[in-house]
């Protein structure tokens, strides 16, 4: 049975303490309850060992403490296994990108319902005939190395935090729903022949940015969401003046971002949420 060893304000940085526990292979977790962080140990027998590090952390001495076991060789493995859905999603993006370099079988994905646009873009039947998979699948297509590197970077930052704090089901729901909504908006806005996971990553950003304002400690800079909003508006303005300048799928970006913000508002914010530091 888990034992509670510390209660701290949600703004206090527990990372020196939790890093020490990970280095010593002590199973633990941090939960958020009523705006406070609660450090729980999986095994009550570890409590006595942890008391010393708690005192060192409170005295500000744990910053320089060296772990008995060097955890650095295992850090990447721990990160991958602690957020399996995020890791599998990242791997999927790169596998599809590799497939695109070796085959042209993906190219028909770019011409979904090409004859229906723009005449039938207002008809609901058009989207029903296309189906969920043809509408969603462009989200995993990336046309350049820079394109996939940037989306992978944001995916790794955002998806892992959502999986840790909100759970795998929340992440899956966001990915599939925002990818579908963003691609529908993009097809309506500019027709077929588009791709990329940017609509999904902007949905994740909207989710994280809004829920962080409501108290979820994702530990991301508070100015990140306004910065990305500014960049979105800048590229939209530039492409309005010089069509095609950035090659950005604005419909997918805007649709994904709005969906992420709306989901963050509507999805219940549980009073207690588990996190793996």
C-alpha atoms as a PDB file:
ATOM      1  CA  UNK A   1       0.000   0.000   0.000  1.00  0.00           C
ATOM      2  CA  UNK A   2       1.300   3.455  -0.940  1.00  0.00           C
ATOM      3  CA  UNK A   3       2.509   5.709   1.843  1.00  0.00           C
ATOM      4  CA  UNK A   4       2.447   9.510   1.736  1.00  0.00           C
ATOM      5  CA  UNK A   5       5.772  11.084   2.742  1.00  0.00           C
ATOM      6  CA  UNK A   6       5.420  14.702   1.601  1.00  0.00           C
ATOM      7  CA  UNK A   7       2.788  17.344   0.888  1.00  0.00           C
ATOM      8  CA  UNK A   8       3.999  20.464  -0.934  1.00  0.00           C
ATOM      9  CA  UNK A   9       2.542  23.424  -2.792  1.00  0.00           C
ATOM     10  CA  UNK A  10       1.990  22.714  -6.478  1.00  0.00           C
ATOM     11  CA  UNK A  11       4.475  25.428  -7.526  1.00  0.00           C
ATOM     12  CA  UNK A  12       7.383  23.844  -5.606  1.00  0.00           C
ATOM     13  CA  UNK A  13       9.926  22.006  -7.733  1.00  0.00           C
ATOM     14  CA  UNK A  14      10.153  18.404  -6.536  1.00  0.00           C
ATOM     15  CA  UNK A  15      12.446  17.281  -9.357  1.00  0.00           C
ATOM     16  CA  UNK A  16      15.679  17.073  -7.258  1.00  0.00           C
ATOM     17  CA  UNK A  17      13.882  14.755  -4.842  1.00  0.00           C
ATOM     18  CA  UNK A  18      12.129  12.637  -7.453  1.00  0.00           C
ATOM     19  CA  UNK A  19      15.323  12.316  -9.506  1.00  0.00           C
ATOM     20  CA  UNK A  20      17.055  10.978  -6.406  1.00  0.00           C
ATOM     21  CA  UNK A  21      14.284   8.433  -5.933  1.00  0.00           C
ATOM     22  CA  UNK A  22      14.467   7.324  -9.563  1.00  0.00           C
ATOM     23  CA  UNK A  23      18.237   6.987  -9.291  1.00  0.00           C
ATOM     24  CA  UNK A  24      17.794   4.754  -6.262  1.00  0.00           C
ATOM     25  CA  UNK A  25      15.122   2.691  -8.064  1.00  0.00           C
ATOM     26  CA  UNK A  26      12.458   3.569  -5.494  1.00  0.00           C
ATOM     27  CA  UNK A  27       8.956   3.323  -7.021  1.00  0.00           C
ATOM     28  CA  UNK A  28       6.954   6.464  -6.317  1.00  0.00           C
ATOM     29  CA  UNK A  29       4.459   8.864  -7.780  1.00  0.00           C
ATOM     30  CA  UNK A  30       3.283  12.443  -7.381  1.00  0.00           C
ATOM     31  CA  UNK A  31      -0.428  13.223  -7.349  1.00  0.00           C
ATOM     32  CA  UNK A  32      -2.163  16.587  -7.327  1.00  0.00           C
ATOM     33  CA  UNK A  33      -4.950  17.053  -4.798  1.00  0.00           C
ATOM     34  CA  UNK A  34      -6.630  20.372  -4.042  1.00  0.00           C
ATOM     35  CA  UNK A  35      -3.745  22.333  -5.508  1.00  0.00           C
ATOM     36  CA  UNK A  36      -1.022  20.496  -3.571  1.00  0.00           C
ATOM     37  CA  UNK A  37       1.548  17.885  -4.567  1.00  0.00           C
ATOM     38  CA  UNK A  38       1.556  14.611  -2.637  1.00  0.00           C
ATOM     39  CA  UNK A  39       4.604  12.367  -2.869  1.00  0.00           C
ATOM     40  CA  UNK A  40       3.671   8.703  -2.434  1.00  0.00           C
ATOM     41  CA  UNK A  41       5.980   5.708  -2.084  1.00  0.00           C
ATOM     42  CA  UNK A  42       4.860   2.352  -3.417  1.00  0.00           C
ATOM     43  CA  UNK A  43       6.588   0.478  -0.588  1.00  0.00           C
ATOM     44  CA  UNK A  44       6.290   1.640   3.012  1.00  0.00           C
ATOM     45  CA  UNK A  45       9.641  -0.014   3.792  1.00  0.00           C
ATOM     46  CA  UNK A  46      11.377   2.703   1.743  1.00  0.00           C
ATOM     47  CA  UNK A  47      10.060   5.510   3.951  1.00  0.00           C
ATOM     48  CA  UNK A  48      12.992   5.445   6.376  1.00  0.00           C
ATOM     49  CA  UNK A  49      15.536   5.722   3.548  1.00  0.00           C
ATOM     50  CA  UNK A  50      13.633   8.589   1.990  1.00  0.00           C
ATOM     51  CA  UNK A  51      13.500  10.653   5.208  1.00  0.00           C
ATOM     52  CA  UNK A  52      17.181  11.544   4.863  1.00  0.00           C
ATOM     53  CA  UNK A  53      16.745  12.821   1.309  1.00  0.00           C
ATOM     54  CA  UNK A  54      13.639  14.743   2.351  1.00  0.00           C
ATOM     55  CA  UNK A  55      15.673  16.563   4.969  1.00  0.00           C
ATOM     56  CA  UNK A  56      18.488  17.227   2.489  1.00  0.00           C
ATOM     57  CA  UNK A  57      15.988  18.521  -0.061  1.00  0.00           C
ATOM     58  CA  UNK A  58      14.357  20.827   2.511  1.00  0.00           C
ATOM     59  CA  UNK A  59      17.809  22.119   3.472  1.00  0.00           C
ATOM     60  CA  UNK A  60      18.660  22.766  -0.182  1.00  0.00           C
ATOM     61  CA  UNK A  61      21.467  20.231  -0.164  1.00  0.00           C
ATOM     62  CA  UNK A  62      20.021  17.637  -2.510  1.00  0.00           C
ATOM     63  CA  UNK A  63      20.801  19.670  -5.627  1.00  0.00           C
ATOM     64  CA  UNK A  64      24.429  18.606  -5.326  1.00  0.00           C
ATOM     65  CA  UNK A  65      23.744  15.095  -4.051  1.00  0.00           C
ATOM     66  CA  UNK A  66      25.085  12.329  -6.298  1.00  0.00           C
ATOM     67  CA  UNK A  67      23.003   9.183  -6.699  1.00  0.00           C
ATOM     68  CA  UNK A  68      24.530   5.913  -5.636  1.00  0.00           C
ATOM     69  CA  UNK A  69      23.512   4.323  -8.936  1.00  0.00           C
ATOM     70  CA  UNK A  70      24.084   6.211 -12.168  1.00  0.00           C
ATOM     71  CA  UNK A  71      20.711   6.291 -13.903  1.00  0.00           C
ATOM     72  CA  UNK A  72      21.871   8.136 -17.011  1.00  0.00           C
ATOM     73  CA  UNK A  73      22.233   5.070 -19.271  1.00  0.00           C
ATOM     74  CA  UNK A  74      18.613   4.214 -18.492  1.00  0.00           C
ATOM     75  CA  UNK A  75      17.048   7.670 -18.701  1.00  0.00           C
ATOM     76  CA  UNK A  76      15.829   7.342 -22.291  1.00  0.00           C
ATOM     77  CA  UNK A  77      14.491   3.855 -21.653  1.00  0.00           C
ATOM     78  CA  UNK A  78      12.618   5.073 -18.569  1.00  0.00           C
ATOM     79  CA  UNK A  79      11.123   7.967 -20.510  1.00  0.00           C
ATOM     80  CA  UNK A  80      10.013   5.699 -23.341  1.00  0.00           C
ATOM     81  CA  UNK A  81       8.423   3.083 -21.114  1.00  0.00           C
ATOM     82  CA  UNK A  82       6.782   5.598 -18.768  1.00  0.00           C
ATOM     83  CA  UNK A  83       4.780   7.060 -21.683  1.00  0.00           C
ATOM     84  CA  UNK A  84       4.237   4.118 -24.066  1.00  0.00           C
ATOM     85  CA  UNK A  85       1.509   5.701 -26.206  1.00  0.00           C
ATOM     86  CA  UNK A  86       3.606   8.794 -26.863  1.00  0.00           C
ATOM     87  CA  UNK A  87       6.597   6.632 -27.747  1.00  0.00           C
ATOM     88  CA  UNK A  88       4.586   4.435 -30.122  1.00  0.00           C
ATOM     89  CA  UNK A  89       3.063   7.513 -31.757  1.00  0.00           C
ATOM     90  CA  UNK A  90       6.490   9.030 -32.374  1.00  0.00           C
ATOM     91  CA  UNK A  91       7.761   5.743 -33.801  1.00  0.00           C
ATOM     92  CA  UNK A  92       4.735   5.544 -36.097  1.00  0.00           C
ATOM     93  CA  UNK A  93       5.422   8.991 -37.553  1.00  0.00           C
ATOM     94  CA  UNK A  94       8.994   8.040 -38.418  1.00  0.00           C
ATOM     95  CA  UNK A  95       8.031   4.644 -39.828  1.00  0.00           C
ATOM     96  CA  UNK A  96       5.522   6.304 -42.149  1.00  0.00           C
ATOM     97  CA  UNK A  97       8.132   8.883 -43.160  1.00  0.00           C
ATOM     98  CA  UNK A  98      10.605   6.083 -43.982  1.00  0.00           C
ATOM     99  CA  UNK A  99       7.879   4.295 -45.972  1.00  0.00           C
ATOM    100  CA  UNK A 100       7.263   7.504 -47.944  1.00  0.00           C
ATOM    101  CA  UNK A 101      10.949   7.576 -48.954  1.00  0.00           C
ATOM    102  CA  UNK A 102      10.817   3.987 -50.230  1.00  0.00           C
ATOM    103  CA  UNK A 103       7.401   3.832 -51.869  1.00  0.00           C
ATOM    104  CA  UNK A 104       4.863   5.998 -53.669  1.00  0.00           C
ATOM    105  CA  UNK A 105       1.877   3.989 -52.403  1.00  0.00           C
ATOM    106  CA  UNK A 106       0.929   6.901 -50.138  1.00  0.00           C
ATOM    107  CA  UNK A 107       0.359   9.363 -52.963  1.00  0.00           C
ATOM    108  CA  UNK A 108      -3.309   8.396 -53.497  1.00  0.00           C
ATOM    109  CA  UNK A 109      -3.871   9.618 -49.929  1.00  0.00           C
ATOM    110  CA  UNK A 110      -3.395  13.133 -51.288  1.00  0.00           C
ATOM    111  CA  UNK A 111      -6.243  12.927 -53.780  1.00  0.00           C
ATOM    112  CA  UNK A 112      -9.135  11.934 -51.518  1.00  0.00           C
ATOM    113  CA  UNK A 113     -12.394  13.175 -53.112  1.00  0.00           C
ATOM    114  CA  UNK A 114     -10.418  15.465 -55.392  1.00  0.00           C
ATOM    115  CA  UNK A 115     -13.332  15.716 -57.834  1.00  0.00           C
ATOM    116  CA  UNK A 116     -15.700  16.895 -55.097  1.00  0.00           C
ATOM    117  CA  UNK A 117     -13.771  20.039 -54.180  1.00  0.00           C
ATOM    118  CA  UNK A 118     -14.778  22.841 -54.123  1.00  0.00           C
ATOM    119  CA  UNK A 119     -18.301  22.240 -55.489  1.00  0.00           C
ATOM    120  CA  UNK A 120     -19.295  19.699 -52.820  1.00  0.00           C
ATOM    121  CA  UNK A 121     -17.369  21.030 -49.838  1.00  0.00           C
ATOM    122  CA  UNK A 122     -20.555  22.296 -48.154  1.00  0.00           C
ATOM    123  CA  UNK A 123     -22.323  18.937 -48.429  1.00  0.00           C
ATOM    124  CA  UNK A 124     -22.211  16.715 -45.353  1.00  0.00           C
ATOM    125  CA  UNK A 125     -22.641  13.667 -47.598  1.00  0.00           C
ATOM    126  CA  UNK A 126     -19.223  14.378 -49.138  1.00  0.00           C
ATOM    127  CA  UNK A 127     -17.429  13.886 -45.832  1.00  0.00           C
ATOM    128  CA  UNK A 128     -19.522  10.849 -44.936  1.00  0.00           C
ATOM    129  CA  UNK A 129     -18.606   9.240 -48.259  1.00  0.00           C
ATOM    130  CA  UNK A 130     -14.906   9.907 -47.705  1.00  0.00           C
ATOM    131  CA  UNK A 131     -14.929   8.085 -44.371  1.00  0.00           C
ATOM    132  CA  UNK A 132     -12.927   8.518 -41.159  1.00  0.00           C
ATOM    133  CA  UNK A 133      -9.651   6.887 -42.212  1.00  0.00           C
ATOM    134  CA  UNK A 134      -9.200   8.714 -45.544  1.00  0.00           C
ATOM    135  CA  UNK A 135      -9.921  11.989 -43.765  1.00  0.00           C
ATOM    136  CA  UNK A 136      -7.564  11.328 -40.838  1.00  0.00           C
ATOM    137  CA  UNK A 137      -4.577   9.608 -42.502  1.00  0.00           C
ATOM    138  CA  UNK A 138      -2.940  12.724 -44.035  1.00  0.00           C
ATOM    139  CA  UNK A 139      -1.998  13.633 -40.437  1.00  0.00           C
ATOM    140  CA  UNK A 140       0.810  11.048 -40.499  1.00  0.00           C
ATOM    141  CA  UNK A 141       2.302  12.210 -43.809  1.00  0.00           C
ATOM    142  CA  UNK A 142       5.372  14.479 -43.732  1.00  0.00           C
ATOM    143  CA  UNK A 143       7.001  15.773 -46.888  1.00  0.00           C
ATOM    144  CA  UNK A 144      10.413  16.865 -45.620  1.00  0.00           C
ATOM    145  CA  UNK A 145      12.888  16.067 -42.884  1.00  0.00           C
ATOM    146  CA  UNK A 146      12.398  19.491 -41.282  1.00  0.00           C
ATOM    147  CA  UNK A 147       8.637  18.947 -41.311  1.00  0.00           C
ATOM    148  CA  UNK A 148       8.748  15.714 -39.342  1.00  0.00           C
ATOM    149  CA  UNK A 149      11.548  16.862 -37.031  1.00  0.00           C
ATOM    150  CA  UNK A 150       9.535  19.889 -35.919  1.00  0.00           C
ATOM    151  CA  UNK A 151       6.355  17.880 -35.368  1.00  0.00           C
ATOM    152  CA  UNK A 152       8.301  15.154 -33.561  1.00  0.00           C
ATOM    153  CA  UNK A 153       9.826  17.768 -31.261  1.00  0.00           C
ATOM    154  CA  UNK A 154       6.452  19.185 -30.268  1.00  0.00           C
ATOM    155  CA  UNK A 155       4.904  15.728 -30.024  1.00  0.00           C
ATOM    156  CA  UNK A 156       7.637  14.585 -27.636  1.00  0.00           C
ATOM    157  CA  UNK A 157       7.146  17.630 -25.400  1.00  0.00           C
ATOM    158  CA  UNK A 158       3.346  17.779 -25.382  1.00  0.00           C
ATOM    159  CA  UNK A 159       2.073  14.210 -25.823  1.00  0.00           C
ATOM    160  CA  UNK A 160       4.197  12.816 -23.006  1.00  0.00           C
ATOM    161  CA  UNK A 161       2.914  15.417 -20.554  1.00  0.00           C
ATOM    162  CA  UNK A 162      -0.687  14.752 -21.503  1.00  0.00           C
ATOM    163  CA  UNK A 163      -0.212  11.008 -21.161  1.00  0.00           C
ATOM    164  CA  UNK A 164       1.396  11.442 -17.729  1.00  0.00           C
ATOM    165  CA  UNK A 165      -1.035  13.939 -16.263  1.00  0.00           C
ATOM    166  CA  UNK A 166      -4.305  13.164 -18.067  1.00  0.00           C
ATOM    167  CA  UNK A 167      -3.934   9.531 -19.075  1.00  0.00           C
ATOM    168  CA  UNK A 168      -3.645   7.533 -22.264  1.00  0.00           C
ATOM    169  CA  UNK A 169      -7.342   7.707 -23.126  1.00  0.00           C
ATOM    170  CA  UNK A 170      -7.284  11.494 -23.105  1.00  0.00           C
ATOM    171  CA  UNK A 171      -4.251  11.501 -25.409  1.00  0.00           C
ATOM    172  CA  UNK A 172      -5.824   9.005 -27.835  1.00  0.00           C
ATOM    173  CA  UNK A 173      -9.078  10.948 -27.932  1.00  0.00           C
ATOM    174  CA  UNK A 174      -7.229  14.188 -28.639  1.00  0.00           C
ATOM    175  CA  UNK A 175      -5.053  12.687 -31.362  1.00  0.00           C
ATOM    176  CA  UNK A 176      -7.818  11.023 -33.337  1.00  0.00           C
ATOM    177  CA  UNK A 177     -10.479  13.690 -32.867  1.00  0.00           C
ATOM    178  CA  UNK A 178      -8.224  16.702 -33.486  1.00  0.00           C
ATOM    179  CA  UNK A 179      -6.599  15.015 -36.490  1.00  0.00           C
ATOM    180  CA  UNK A 180     -10.019  14.383 -37.983  1.00  0.00           C
ATOM    181  CA  UNK A 181     -11.381  17.855 -37.239  1.00  0.00           C
ATOM    182  CA  UNK A 182      -8.239  19.610 -38.467  1.00  0.00           C
ATOM    183  CA  UNK A 183      -8.165  17.626 -41.708  1.00  0.00           C
ATOM    184  CA  UNK A 184     -11.863  18.215 -42.369  1.00  0.00           C
ATOM    185  CA  UNK A 185     -11.320  21.954 -41.950  1.00  0.00           C
ATOM    186  CA  UNK A 186      -8.252  21.823 -44.207  1.00  0.00           C
ATOM    187  CA  UNK A 187     -10.066  19.863 -46.937  1.00  0.00           C
ATOM    188  CA  UNK A 188     -12.948  22.341 -46.768  1.00  0.00           C
ATOM    189  CA  UNK A 189     -10.570  25.313 -46.788  1.00  0.00           C
ATOM    190  CA  UNK A 190      -8.091  24.325 -49.493  1.00  0.00           C
ATOM    191  CA  UNK A 191      -9.022  20.909 -50.844  1.00  0.00           C
ATOM    192  CA  UNK A 192      -6.922  17.689 -50.846  1.00  0.00           C
ATOM    193  CA  UNK A 193      -3.116  17.337 -51.225  1.00  0.00           C
ATOM    194  CA  UNK A 194      -1.997  18.152 -47.691  1.00  0.00           C
ATOM    195  CA  UNK A 195      -0.368  16.341 -44.815  1.00  0.00           C
ATOM    196  CA  UNK A 196       1.353  16.640 -41.458  1.00  0.00           C
ATOM    197  CA  UNK A 197       0.646  16.251 -37.756  1.00  0.00           C
ATOM    198  CA  UNK A 198       0.791  19.990 -37.057  1.00  0.00           C
ATOM    199  CA  UNK A 199      -2.960  20.193 -36.525  1.00  0.00           C
ATOM    200  CA  UNK A 200      -2.677  17.516 -33.856  1.00  0.00           C
ATOM    201  CA  UNK A 201       0.321  19.126 -32.153  1.00  0.00           C
ATOM    202  CA  UNK A 202      -1.483  22.478 -32.069  1.00  0.00           C
ATOM    203  CA  UNK A 203      -4.489  20.739 -30.506  1.00  0.00           C
ATOM    204  CA  UNK A 204      -2.171  19.291 -27.859  1.00  0.00           C
ATOM    205  CA  UNK A 205      -0.689  22.735 -27.316  1.00  0.00           C
ATOM    206  CA  UNK A 206      -4.134  24.289 -26.899  1.00  0.00           C
ATOM    207  CA  UNK A 207      -5.074  21.552 -24.434  1.00  0.00           C
ATOM    208  CA  UNK A 208      -1.909  21.931 -22.367  1.00  0.00           C
ATOM    209  CA  UNK A 209      -1.887  25.728 -22.470  1.00  0.00           C
ATOM    210  CA  UNK A 210      -5.497  26.098 -21.312  1.00  0.00           C
ATOM    211  CA  UNK A 211      -5.485  23.373 -18.676  1.00  0.00           C
ATOM    212  CA  UNK A 212      -2.223  24.675 -17.258  1.00  0.00           C
ATOM    213  CA  UNK A 213      -4.046  27.944 -16.610  1.00  0.00           C
ATOM    214  CA  UNK A 214      -6.643  25.907 -14.705  1.00  0.00           C
ATOM    215  CA  UNK A 215      -4.024  24.443 -12.388  1.00  0.00           C
ATOM    216  CA  UNK A 216      -2.576  21.363 -14.096  1.00  0.00           C
ATOM    217  CA  UNK A 217       1.211  21.556 -13.513  1.00  0.00           C
ATOM    218  CA  UNK A 218       2.521  20.562 -16.954  1.00  0.00           C
ATOM    219  CA  UNK A 219       5.590  22.712 -16.215  1.00  0.00           C
ATOM    220  CA  UNK A 220       5.680  24.437 -19.606  1.00  0.00           C
ATOM    221  CA  UNK A 221       6.368  28.170 -20.086  1.00  0.00           C
ATOM    222  CA  UNK A 222       3.136  30.121 -19.729  1.00  0.00           C
ATOM    223  CA  UNK A 223       3.969  32.188 -22.820  1.00  0.00           C
ATOM    224  CA  UNK A 224       4.224  29.167 -25.123  1.00  0.00           C
ATOM    225  CA  UNK A 225       0.578  29.190 -26.235  1.00  0.00           C
ATOM    226  CA  UNK A 226       0.512  32.958 -27.030  1.00  0.00           C
ATOM    227  CA  UNK A 227       3.810  32.544 -28.906  1.00  0.00           C
ATOM    228  CA  UNK A 228       2.414  29.776 -31.098  1.00  0.00           C
ATOM    229  CA  UNK A 229      -0.779  31.747 -31.662  1.00  0.00           C
ATOM    230  CA  UNK A 230       1.314  34.680 -32.824  1.00  0.00           C
ATOM    231  CA  UNK A 231       3.287  32.469 -35.197  1.00  0.00           C
ATOM    232  CA  UNK A 232       0.052  30.990 -36.576  1.00  0.00           C
ATOM    233  CA  UNK A 233      -1.364  34.442 -37.294  1.00  0.00           C
ATOM    234  CA  UNK A 234       1.928  35.608 -38.818  1.00  0.00           C
ATOM    235  CA  UNK A 235       2.087  32.719 -41.301  1.00  0.00           C
ATOM    236  CA  UNK A 236      -1.588  33.174 -42.144  1.00  0.00           C
ATOM    237  CA  UNK A 237      -1.013  36.880 -42.843  1.00  0.00           C
ATOM    238  CA  UNK A 238       2.088  36.127 -44.936  1.00  0.00           C
ATOM    239  CA  UNK A 239       0.262  33.532 -47.031  1.00  0.00           C
ATOM    240  CA  UNK A 240      -2.630  35.939 -47.522  1.00  0.00           C
ATOM    241  CA  UNK A 241      -0.252  38.516 -49.007  1.00  0.00           C
ATOM    242  CA  UNK A 242       1.840  35.967 -50.891  1.00  0.00           C
ATOM    243  CA  UNK A 243      -0.239  32.803 -51.462  1.00  0.00           C
ATOM    244  CA  UNK A 244       1.729  29.603 -50.904  1.00  0.00           C
ATOM    245  CA  UNK A 245       4.697  31.371 -49.308  1.00  0.00           C
ATOM    246  CA  UNK A 246       4.945  29.116 -46.244  1.00  0.00           C
ATOM    247  CA  UNK A 247       3.134  26.038 -47.569  1.00  0.00           C
ATOM    248  CA  UNK A 248       1.278  25.844 -44.259  1.00  0.00           C
ATOM    249  CA  UNK A 249      -1.975  23.878 -43.944  1.00  0.00           C
ATOM    250  CA  UNK A 250      -3.761  26.715 -42.171  1.00  0.00           C
ATOM    251  CA  UNK A 251      -7.101  24.938 -42.013  1.00  0.00           C
ATOM    252  CA  UNK A 252      -5.621  21.951 -40.176  1.00  0.00           C
ATOM    253  CA  UNK A 253      -3.702  24.249 -37.821  1.00  0.00           C
ATOM    254  CA  UNK A 254      -6.653  26.444 -36.930  1.00  0.00           C
ATOM    255  CA  UNK A 255      -9.096  23.537 -36.726  1.00  0.00           C
ATOM    256  CA  UNK A 256      -6.760  21.529 -34.506  1.00  0.00           C
ATOM    257  CA  UNK A 257      -5.987  24.436 -32.205  1.00  0.00           C
ATOM    258  CA  UNK A 258      -9.631  25.408 -31.730  1.00  0.00           C
ATOM    259  CA  UNK A 259     -10.552  21.791 -31.064  1.00  0.00           C
ATOM    260  CA  UNK A 260      -7.762  21.438 -28.485  1.00  0.00           C
ATOM    261  CA  UNK A 261      -8.867  24.575 -26.662  1.00  0.00           C
ATOM    262  CA  UNK A 262     -12.525  23.513 -26.709  1.00  0.00           C
ATOM    263  CA  UNK A 263     -11.654  20.025 -25.451  1.00  0.00           C
ATOM    264  CA  UNK A 264      -9.548  21.514 -22.653  1.00  0.00           C
ATOM    265  CA  UNK A 265     -12.519  23.576 -21.515  1.00  0.00           C
ATOM    266  CA  UNK A 266     -15.093  20.772 -21.754  1.00  0.00           C
ATOM    267  CA  UNK A 267     -13.026  17.802 -20.519  1.00  0.00           C
ATOM    268  CA  UNK A 268     -13.450  17.424 -16.735  1.00  0.00           C
ATOM    269  CA  UNK A 269     -10.424  18.473 -14.708  1.00  0.00           C
ATOM    270  CA  UNK A 270     -10.171  15.775 -12.061  1.00  0.00           C
ATOM    271  CA  UNK A 271      -9.214  16.976  -8.545  1.00  0.00           C
ATOM    272  CA  UNK A 272      -6.574  14.263  -8.298  1.00  0.00           C
ATOM    273  CA  UNK A 273      -4.263  13.398 -11.162  1.00  0.00           C
ATOM    274  CA  UNK A 274      -1.281  11.111 -11.180  1.00  0.00           C
ATOM    275  CA  UNK A 275       2.053  12.224 -12.610  1.00  0.00           C
ATOM    276  CA  UNK A 276       5.371  10.525 -13.148  1.00  0.00           C
ATOM    277  CA  UNK A 277       8.113  13.112 -12.568  1.00  0.00           C
END
